[in-house]
Amino acid sequence: MPVLCPDPFIGEDLTAAEDSLTDRFGFAEAGRIVEDLTRFRAKAMQAAGPAARWLEG
C-alpha cells in the first residue's frame, strides 16, 4: 500500500503536509483530510489528558 504523505509528517509541519496532500489529492480532498486528522488529533489528546495529568502528578 502506498504511503499517502511520505514527507513531511503532518504533526511537524501542517502547512507543508497540506501542500503535499493538495498536490497529490487536490484542494478539496486535502482540506477534508487535514480537517479529519486535526479532529482526530484533538480527540486523541483529549482522551490522553487524564493519564498525562496523572503522570505529571
PDB file of N, CA and C in Angstrom:
ATOM      1  N   MET A   1       0.840  -1.178   0.000  1.00  0.00           N
ATOM      2  CA  MET A   1       0.000   0.000   0.000  1.00  0.00           C
ATOM      3  C   MET A   1       0.885   1.242   0.000  1.00  0.00           C
ATOM      4  N   PRO A   2       0.623   2.215  -0.874  1.00  0.00           N
ATOM      5  CA  PRO A   2       1.475   3.400  -0.954  1.00  0.00           C
ATOM      6  C   PRO A   2       1.298   4.302   0.262  1.00  0.00           C
ATOM      7  N   VAL A   3       2.355   5.003   0.591  1.00  0.00           N
ATOM      8  CA  VAL A   3       2.312   5.983   1.673  1.00  0.00           C
ATOM      9  C   VAL A   3       1.631   7.233   1.135  1.00  0.00           C
ATOM     10  N   LEU A   4       0.635   7.736   1.865  1.00  0.00           N
ATOM     11  CA  LEU A   4      -0.135   8.879   1.382  1.00  0.00           C
ATOM     12  C   LEU A   4       0.664  10.172   1.411  1.00  0.00           C
ATOM     13  N   CYS A   5       1.412  10.391   2.458  1.00  0.00           N
ATOM     14  CA  CYS A   5       2.140  11.646   2.610  1.00  0.00           C
ATOM     15  C   CYS A   5       3.501  11.343   3.233  1.00  0.00           C
ATOM     16  N   PRO A   6       4.455  10.859   2.437  1.00  0.00           N
ATOM     17  CA  PRO A   6       5.723  10.421   2.995  1.00  0.00           C
ATOM     18  C   PRO A   6       6.540  11.535   3.627  1.00  0.00           C
ATOM     19  N   ASP A   7       6.385  12.740   3.172  1.00  0.00           N
ATOM     20  CA  ASP A   7       7.113  13.866   3.740  1.00  0.00           C
ATOM     21  C   ASP A   7       6.256  15.101   3.588  1.00  0.00           C
ATOM     22  N   PRO A   8       6.163  15.933   4.486  1.00  0.00           N
ATOM     23  CA  PRO A   8       6.624  15.823   5.873  1.00  0.00           C
ATOM     24  C   PRO A   8       5.554  15.202   6.747  1.00  0.00           C
ATOM     25  N   PHE A   9       5.925  14.873   7.957  1.00  0.00           N
ATOM     26  CA  PHE A   9       4.966  14.337   8.919  1.00  0.00           C
ATOM     27  C   PHE A   9       3.989  15.445   9.287  1.00  0.00           C
ATOM     28  N   ILE A  10       2.696  15.167   9.202  1.00  0.00           N
ATOM     29  CA  ILE A  10       1.679  16.204   9.364  1.00  0.00           C
ATOM     30  C   ILE A  10       1.732  16.880  10.733  1.00  0.00           C
ATOM     31  N   GLY A  11       2.188  16.170  11.748  1.00  0.00           N
ATOM     32  CA  GLY A  11       2.274  16.766  13.074  1.00  0.00           C
ATOM     33  C   GLY A  11       3.422  17.742  13.215  1.00  0.00           C
ATOM     34  N   GLU A  12       4.405  17.645  12.343  1.00  0.00           N
ATOM     35  CA  GLU A  12       5.571  18.507  12.433  1.00  0.00           C
ATOM     36  C   GLU A  12       5.403  19.799  11.645  1.00  0.00           C
ATOM     37  N   ASP A  13       4.804  19.742  10.483  1.00  0.00           N
ATOM     38  CA  ASP A  13       4.676  20.922   9.626  1.00  0.00           C
ATOM     39  C   ASP A  13       3.373  20.828   8.849  1.00  0.00           C
ATOM     40  N   LEU A  14       2.307  21.347   9.437  1.00  0.00           N
ATOM     41  CA  LEU A  14       0.975  21.216   8.852  1.00  0.00           C
ATOM     42  C   LEU A  14       0.885  21.885   7.485  1.00  0.00           C
ATOM     43  N   THR A  15       1.506  23.047   7.316  1.00  0.00           N
ATOM     44  CA  THR A  15       1.428  23.759   6.040  1.00  0.00           C
ATOM     45  C   THR A  15       2.072  22.943   4.917  1.00  0.00           C
ATOM     46  N   ALA A  16       3.261  22.426   5.166  1.00  0.00           N
ATOM     47  CA  ALA A  16       3.940  21.627   4.139  1.00  0.00           C
ATOM     48  C   ALA A  16       3.184  20.331   3.870  1.00  0.00           C
ATOM     49  N   ALA A  17       2.649  19.729   4.918  1.00  0.00           N
ATOM     50  CA  ALA A  17       1.877  18.499   4.731  1.00  0.00           C
ATOM     51  C   ALA A  17       0.628  18.778   3.910  1.00  0.00           C
ATOM     52  N   GLU A  18      -0.037  19.899   4.193  1.00  0.00           N
ATOM     53  CA  GLU A  18      -1.238  20.247   3.436  1.00  0.00           C
ATOM     54  C   GLU A  18      -0.891  20.500   1.972  1.00  0.00           C
ATOM     55  N   ASP A  19       0.232  21.162   1.722  1.00  0.00           N
ATOM     56  CA  ASP A  19       0.668  21.385   0.341  1.00  0.00           C
ATOM     57  C   ASP A  19       0.925  20.057  -0.367  1.00  0.00           C
ATOM     58  N   SER A  20       1.571  19.136   0.331  1.00  0.00           N
ATOM     59  CA  SER A  20       1.852  17.820  -0.246  1.00  0.00           C
ATOM     60  C   SER A  20       0.561  17.063  -0.547  1.00  0.00           C
ATOM     61  N   LEU A  21      -0.392  17.119   0.384  1.00  0.00           N
ATOM     62  CA  LEU A  21      -1.681  16.465   0.166  1.00  0.00           C
ATOM     63  C   LEU A  21      -2.434  17.115  -0.988  1.00  0.00           C
ATOM     64  N   THR A  22      -2.354  18.441  -1.093  1.00  0.00           N
ATOM     65  CA  THR A  22      -3.026  19.156  -2.181  1.00  0.00           C
ATOM     66  C   THR A  22      -2.457  18.730  -3.528  1.00  0.00           C
ATOM     67  N   ASP A  23      -1.135  18.618  -3.603  1.00  0.00           N
ATOM     68  CA  ASP A  23      -0.504  18.171  -4.847  1.00  0.00           C
ATOM     69  C   ASP A  23      -0.971  16.767  -5.228  1.00  0.00           C
ATOM     70  N   ARG A  24      -1.151  15.927  -4.236  1.00  0.00           N
ATOM     71  CA  ARG A  24      -1.486  14.523  -4.504  1.00  0.00           C
ATOM     72  C   ARG A  24      -2.972  14.293  -4.744  1.00  0.00           C
ATOM     73  N   PHE A  25      -3.844  14.966  -3.952  1.00  0.00           N
ATOM     74  CA  PHE A  25      -5.272  14.657  -3.984  1.00  0.00           C
ATOM     75  C   PHE A  25      -6.167  15.795  -4.459  1.00  0.00           C
ATOM     76  N   GLY A  26      -5.621  16.990  -4.606  1.00  0.00           N
ATOM     77  CA  GLY A  26      -6.443  18.134  -4.971  1.00  0.00           C
ATOM     78  C   GLY A  26      -6.845  18.923  -3.731  1.00  0.00           C
ATOM     79  N   PHE A  27      -7.253  20.160  -3.959  1.00  0.00           N
ATOM     80  CA  PHE A  27      -7.504  21.093  -2.862  1.00  0.00           C
ATOM     81  C   PHE A  27      -8.613  20.634  -1.922  1.00  0.00           C
ATOM     82  N   ALA A  28      -9.761  20.265  -2.465  1.00  0.00           N
ATOM     83  CA  ALA A  28     -10.915  19.913  -1.624  1.00  0.00           C
ATOM     84  C   ALA A  28     -10.642  18.670  -0.785  1.00  0.00           C
ATOM     85  N   GLU A  29     -10.114  17.637  -1.408  1.00  0.00           N
ATOM     86  CA  GLU A  29      -9.840  16.392  -0.675  1.00  0.00           C
ATOM     87  C   GLU A  29      -8.758  16.612   0.380  1.00  0.00           C
ATOM     88  N   ALA A  30      -7.728  17.379   0.046  1.00  0.00           N
ATOM     89  CA  ALA A  30      -6.671  17.671   1.021  1.00  0.00           C
ATOM     90  C   ALA A  30      -7.244  18.404   2.226  1.00  0.00           C
ATOM     91  N   GLY A  31      -8.141  19.334   1.985  1.00  0.00           N
ATOM     92  CA  GLY A  31      -8.773  20.060   3.087  1.00  0.00           C
ATOM     93  C   GLY A  31      -9.548  19.128   4.001  1.00  0.00           C
ATOM     94  N   ARG A  32     -10.272  18.194   3.411  1.00  0.00           N
ATOM     95  CA  ARG A  32     -11.027  17.226   4.223  1.00  0.00           C
ATOM     96  C   ARG A  32     -10.087  16.315   5.017  1.00  0.00           C
ATOM     97  N   ILE A  33      -8.993  15.902   4.401  1.00  0.00           N
ATOM     98  CA  ILE A  33      -8.027  15.045   5.097  1.00  0.00           C
ATOM     99  C   ILE A  33      -7.437  15.787   6.291  1.00  0.00           C
ATOM    100  N   VAL A  34      -7.028  17.032   6.082  1.00  0.00           N
ATOM    101  CA  VAL A  34      -6.442  17.819   7.170  1.00  0.00           C
ATOM    102  C   VAL A  34      -7.463  18.042   8.281  1.00  0.00           C
ATOM    103  N   GLU A  35      -8.710  18.344   7.924  1.00  0.00           N
ATOM    104  CA  GLU A  35      -9.754  18.514   8.943  1.00  0.00           C
ATOM    105  C   GLU A  35      -9.948  17.227   9.737  1.00  0.00           C
ATOM    106  N   ASP A  36     -10.003  16.093   9.049  1.00  0.00           N
ATOM    107  CA  ASP A  36     -10.176  14.810   9.736  1.00  0.00           C
ATOM    108  C   ASP A  36      -9.009  14.520  10.674  1.00  0.00           C
ATOM    109  N   LEU A  37      -7.789  14.745  10.199  1.00  0.00           N
ATOM    110  CA  LEU A  37      -6.616  14.488  11.032  1.00  0.00           C
ATOM    111  C   LEU A  37      -6.556  15.435  12.225  1.00  0.00           C
ATOM    112  N   THR A  38      -6.927  16.693  12.002  1.00  0.00           N
ATOM    113  CA  THR A  38      -6.941  17.668  13.093  1.00  0.00           C
ATOM    114  C   THR A  38      -7.971  17.280  14.144  1.00  0.00           C
ATOM    115  N   ARG A  39      -9.148  16.882  13.701  1.00  0.00           N
ATOM    116  CA  ARG A  39     -10.202  16.456  14.627  1.00  0.00           C
ATOM    117  C   ARG A  39      -9.770  15.200  15.394  1.00  0.00           C
ATOM    118  N   PHE A  40      -9.169  14.234  14.693  1.00  0.00           N
ATOM    119  CA  PHE A  40      -8.690  13.013  15.340  1.00  0.00           C
ATOM    120  C   PHE A  40      -7.627  13.335  16.383  1.00  0.00           C
ATOM    121  N   ARG A  41      -6.702  14.212  16.036  1.00  0.00           N
ATOM    122  CA  ARG A  41      -5.624  14.577  16.966  1.00  0.00           C
ATOM    123  C   ARG A  41      -6.194  15.237  18.215  1.00  0.00           C
ATOM    124  N   ALA A  42      -7.156  16.128  18.045  1.00  0.00           N
ATOM    125  CA  ALA A  42      -7.767  16.799  19.193  1.00  0.00           C
ATOM    126  C   ALA A  42      -8.465  15.792  20.105  1.00  0.00           C
ATOM    127  N   LYS A  43      -9.188  14.841  19.518  1.00  0.00           N
ATOM    128  CA  LYS A  43      -9.874  13.824  20.326  1.00  0.00           C
ATOM    129  C   LYS A  43      -8.868  12.920  21.041  1.00  0.00           C
ATOM    130  N   ALA A  44      -7.786  12.562  20.362  1.00  0.00           N
ATOM    131  CA  ALA A  44      -6.770  11.710  20.981  1.00  0.00           C
ATOM    132  C   ALA A  44      -6.094  12.428  22.140  1.00  0.00           C
ATOM    133  N   MET A  45      -5.794  13.702  21.965  1.00  0.00           N
ATOM    134  CA  MET A  45      -5.162  14.461  23.039  1.00  0.00           C
ATOM    135  C   MET A  45      -6.118  14.634  24.218  1.00  0.00           C
ATOM    136  N   GLN A  46      -7.395  14.835  23.930  1.00  0.00           N
ATOM    137  CA  GLN A  46      -8.388  14.955  24.993  1.00  0.00           C
ATOM    138  C   GLN A  46      -8.502  13.633  25.762  1.00  0.00           C
ATOM    139  N   ALA A  47      -8.487  12.529  25.045  1.00  0.00           N
ATOM    140  CA  ALA A  47      -8.585  11.218  25.688  1.00  0.00           C
ATOM    141  C   ALA A  47      -7.353  10.908  26.534  1.00  0.00           C
ATOM    142  N   ALA A  48      -6.187  11.351  26.097  1.00  0.00           N
ATOM    143  CA  ALA A  48      -4.946  11.080  26.820  1.00  0.00           C
ATOM    144  C   ALA A  48      -4.707  12.063  27.959  1.00  0.00           C
ATOM    145  N   GLY A  49      -5.475  13.144  28.002  1.00  0.00           N
ATOM    146  CA  GLY A  49      -5.279  14.186  29.007  1.00  0.00           C
ATOM    147  C   GLY A  49      -5.282  13.699  30.446  1.00  0.00           C
ATOM    148  N   PRO A  50      -6.287  12.938  30.882  1.00  0.00           N
ATOM    149  CA  PRO A  50      -6.294  12.486  32.279  1.00  0.00           C
ATOM    150  C   PRO A  50      -5.058  11.661  32.651  1.00  0.00           C
ATOM    151  N   ALA A  51      -4.635  10.778  31.775  1.00  0.00           N
ATOM    152  CA  ALA A  51      -3.444   9.969  32.057  1.00  0.00           C
ATOM    153  C   ALA A  51      -2.200  10.846  32.119  1.00  0.00           C
ATOM    154  N   ALA A  52      -2.104  11.824  31.237  1.00  0.00           N
ATOM    155  CA  ALA A  52      -0.949  12.724  31.236  1.00  0.00           C
ATOM    156  C   ALA A  52      -0.900  13.540  32.525  1.00  0.00           C
ATOM    157  N   ARG A  53      -2.050  14.036  32.966  1.00  0.00           N
ATOM    158  CA  ARG A  53      -2.088  14.804  34.220  1.00  0.00           C
ATOM    159  C   ARG A  53      -1.716  13.917  35.406  1.00  0.00           C
ATOM    160  N   TRP A  54      -2.179  12.659  35.387  1.00  0.00           N
ATOM    161  CA  TRP A  54      -1.854  11.730  36.459  1.00  0.00           C
ATOM    162  C   TRP A  54      -0.344  11.461  36.485  1.00  0.00           C
ATOM    163  N   LEU A  55       0.257  11.279  35.306  1.00  0.00           N
ATOM    164  CA  LEU A  55       1.694  11.019  35.241  1.00  0.00           C
ATOM    165  C   LEU A  55       2.512  12.213  35.712  1.00  0.00           C
ATOM    166  N   GLU A  56       2.023  13.420  35.427  1.00  0.00           N
ATOM    167  CA  GLU A  56       2.738  14.621  35.869  1.00  0.00           C
ATOM    168  C   GLU A  56       2.686  14.761  37.383  1.00  0.00           C
ATOM    169  N   GLY A  57       1.651  14.174  37.973  1.00  0.00           N
ATOM    170  CA  GLY A  57       1.486  14.125  39.417  1.00  0.00           C
ATOM    171  C   GLY A  57       1.228  15.418  40.042  1.00  0.00           C
TER     172      GLY A  57
END
